[in-house]
Amino acid sequence: MRDVSNREAMIEAFRKDPDLAVEIVAHLLEAGDVEAALSALNTLFASLGDKTENVQRPTPLSGSATVVEVAATLRAMGLRLSVQPLH
C-alpha cells in the first residue's frame, strides 16, 4: 500500500513540475541507475494523463525496454533521447 501512495505522490509532484521529473530521470541515467530511471519515466508518463490522449500510449517500460520503446515513450511526452560524451 505504501508503494502506491509514494507513486501517487510522485505523479502529483510531476504534474506540478514536469521539469523536475526530467531532471530526476537525467540524474538517474547519469548515475547509471537504469531501472530507477525507467520507473521515473513511467511515473512521468502517468502524470501526463489527458495530455497524451492523442498519442498511442506505450506499455510501461521495464529493464528490457528497447531503445525504440524508450524513444517512443519520450516522444509521447514531448521529450527526446540524446547521446552525449561522458566527459
C-alpha atoms as a PDB file:
ATOM      1  CA  MET A   1       0.000   0.000   0.000  1.00  0.00           C
ATOM      2  CA  ARG A   2       2.853   2.390   0.809  1.00  0.00           C
ATOM      3  CA  ASP A   3       4.323   1.952  -2.698  1.00  0.00           C
ATOM      4  CA  VAL A   4       1.035   3.050  -4.240  1.00  0.00           C
ATOM      5  CA  SER A   5       0.879   6.191  -2.137  1.00  0.00           C
ATOM      6  CA  ASN A   6       4.531   7.039  -2.900  1.00  0.00           C
ATOM      7  CA  ARG A   7       3.860   6.601  -6.625  1.00  0.00           C
ATOM      8  CA  GLU A   8       0.738   8.750  -6.393  1.00  0.00           C
ATOM      9  CA  ALA A   9       2.729  11.438  -4.584  1.00  0.00           C
ATOM     10  CA  MET A  10       5.369  11.373  -7.338  1.00  0.00           C
ATOM     11  CA  ILE A  11       2.698  11.545 -10.041  1.00  0.00           C
ATOM     12  CA  GLU A  12       1.231  14.634  -8.372  1.00  0.00           C
ATOM     13  CA  ALA A  13       4.695  16.212  -7.971  1.00  0.00           C
ATOM     14  CA  PHE A  14       5.482  15.550 -11.645  1.00  0.00           C
ATOM     15  CA  ARG A  15       2.119  17.056 -12.679  1.00  0.00           C
ATOM     16  CA  LYS A  16       3.013  20.231 -10.834  1.00  0.00           C
ATOM     17  CA  ASP A  17       6.606  20.337 -12.097  1.00  0.00           C
ATOM     18  CA  PRO A  18       7.354  18.210 -15.190  1.00  0.00           C
ATOM     19  CA  ASP A  19      10.830  19.751 -15.382  1.00  0.00           C
ATOM     20  CA  LEU A  20      11.603  18.183 -12.012  1.00  0.00           C
ATOM     21  CA  ALA A  21      10.795  14.773 -13.445  1.00  0.00           C
ATOM     22  CA  VAL A  22      13.093  15.366 -16.409  1.00  0.00           C
ATOM     23  CA  GLU A  23      15.903  16.395 -14.043  1.00  0.00           C
ATOM     24  CA  ILE A  24      15.364  13.286 -11.911  1.00  0.00           C
ATOM     25  CA  VAL A  25      15.431  10.963 -14.928  1.00  0.00           C
ATOM     26  CA  ALA A  26      18.572  12.646 -16.276  1.00  0.00           C
ATOM     27  CA  HIS A  27      20.281  12.346 -12.881  1.00  0.00           C
ATOM     28  CA  LEU A  28      19.336   8.674 -12.528  1.00  0.00           C
ATOM     29  CA  LEU A  29      20.651   7.906 -16.008  1.00  0.00           C
ATOM     30  CA  GLU A  30      23.852   9.801 -15.308  1.00  0.00           C
ATOM     31  CA  ALA A  31      24.268   7.787 -12.104  1.00  0.00           C
ATOM     32  CA  GLY A  32      23.750   4.572 -14.092  1.00  0.00           C
ATOM     33  CA  ASP A  33      20.521   3.557 -12.331  1.00  0.00           C
ATOM     34  CA  VAL A  34      18.584   2.455 -15.409  1.00  0.00           C
ATOM     35  CA  GLU A  35      15.804   0.656 -13.507  1.00  0.00           C
ATOM     36  CA  ALA A  36      15.068   3.733 -11.381  1.00  0.00           C
ATOM     37  CA  ALA A  37      15.192   5.950 -14.475  1.00  0.00           C
ATOM     38  CA  LEU A  38      12.679   3.710 -16.283  1.00  0.00           C
ATOM     39  CA  SER A  39      10.439   3.766 -13.216  1.00  0.00           C
ATOM     40  CA  ALA A  40      10.640   7.570 -13.113  1.00  0.00           C
ATOM     41  CA  LEU A  41       9.818   7.744 -16.839  1.00  0.00           C
ATOM     42  CA  ASN A  42       6.769   5.546 -16.285  1.00  0.00           C
ATOM     43  CA  THR A  43       5.687   7.797 -13.417  1.00  0.00           C
ATOM     44  CA  LEU A  44       6.216  10.895 -15.565  1.00  0.00           C
ATOM     45  CA  PHE A  45       4.137   9.368 -18.349  1.00  0.00           C
ATOM     46  CA  ALA A  46       1.370   8.528 -15.859  1.00  0.00           C
ATOM     47  CA  SER A  47       1.444  12.118 -14.604  1.00  0.00           C
ATOM     48  CA  LEU A  48       0.645  13.494 -18.046  1.00  0.00           C
ATOM     49  CA  GLY A  49      -2.834  11.977 -18.015  1.00  0.00           C
ATOM     50  CA  ASP A  50      -5.078  13.571 -20.646  1.00  0.00           C
ATOM     51  CA  LYS A  51      -2.220  15.491 -22.232  1.00  0.00           C
ATOM     52  CA  THR A  52      -1.272  12.328 -24.136  1.00  0.00           C
ATOM     53  CA  GLU A  53      -4.712  11.069 -25.158  1.00  0.00           C
ATOM     54  CA  ASN A  54      -3.992  11.580 -28.892  1.00  0.00           C
ATOM     55  CA  VAL A  55      -0.775   9.583 -28.613  1.00  0.00           C
ATOM     56  CA  GLN A  56      -0.624   5.807 -28.709  1.00  0.00           C
ATOM     57  CA  ARG A  57       0.352   5.014 -25.145  1.00  0.00           C
ATOM     58  CA  PRO A  58       3.210   2.530 -24.982  1.00  0.00           C
ATOM     59  CA  THR A  59       3.243  -0.229 -22.416  1.00  0.00           C
ATOM     60  CA  PRO A  60       5.143   0.579 -19.229  1.00  0.00           C
ATOM     61  CA  LEU A  61       8.893   0.468 -19.682  1.00  0.00           C
ATOM     62  CA  SER A  62      10.916  -2.237 -17.988  1.00  0.00           C
ATOM     63  CA  GLY A  63      14.585  -3.123 -17.738  1.00  0.00           C
ATOM     64  CA  SER A  64      14.247  -4.969 -21.024  1.00  0.00           C
ATOM     65  CA  ALA A  65      12.855  -1.955 -22.902  1.00  0.00           C
ATOM     66  CA  THR A  66      14.450  -1.345 -26.264  1.00  0.00           C
ATOM     67  CA  VAL A  67      15.833   1.998 -27.368  1.00  0.00           C
ATOM     68  CA  VAL A  68      12.906   2.252 -29.790  1.00  0.00           C
ATOM     69  CA  GLU A  69      10.405   1.778 -26.933  1.00  0.00           C
ATOM     70  CA  VAL A  70      12.172   4.333 -24.757  1.00  0.00           C
ATOM     71  CA  ALA A  71      12.356   6.810 -27.657  1.00  0.00           C
ATOM     72  CA  ALA A  72       8.630   6.324 -28.415  1.00  0.00           C
ATOM     73  CA  THR A  73       7.705   6.900 -24.775  1.00  0.00           C
ATOM     74  CA  LEU A  74       9.860  10.013 -24.609  1.00  0.00           C
ATOM     75  CA  ARG A  75       8.369  11.320 -27.857  1.00  0.00           C
ATOM     76  CA  ALA A  76       4.870  10.855 -26.423  1.00  0.00           C
ATOM     77  CA  MET A  77       5.955  13.055 -23.514  1.00  0.00           C
ATOM     78  CA  GLY A  78       7.415  15.740 -25.749  1.00  0.00           C
ATOM     79  CA  LEU A  79      10.987  14.679 -24.932  1.00  0.00           C
ATOM     80  CA  ARG A  80      13.761  13.119 -26.948  1.00  0.00           C
ATOM     81  CA  LEU A  81      16.630  10.764 -26.426  1.00  0.00           C
ATOM     82  CA  SER A  82      20.098  12.231 -26.852  1.00  0.00           C
ATOM     83  CA  VAL A  83      23.635  10.950 -26.581  1.00  0.00           C
ATOM     84  CA  GLN A  84      26.451  12.983 -25.029  1.00  0.00           C
ATOM     85  CA  PRO A  85      30.112  12.263 -24.377  1.00  0.00           C
ATOM     86  CA  LEU A  86      30.948  11.155 -20.834  1.00  0.00           C
ATOM     87  CA  HIS A  87      33.482  13.964 -20.371  1.00  0.00           C
END
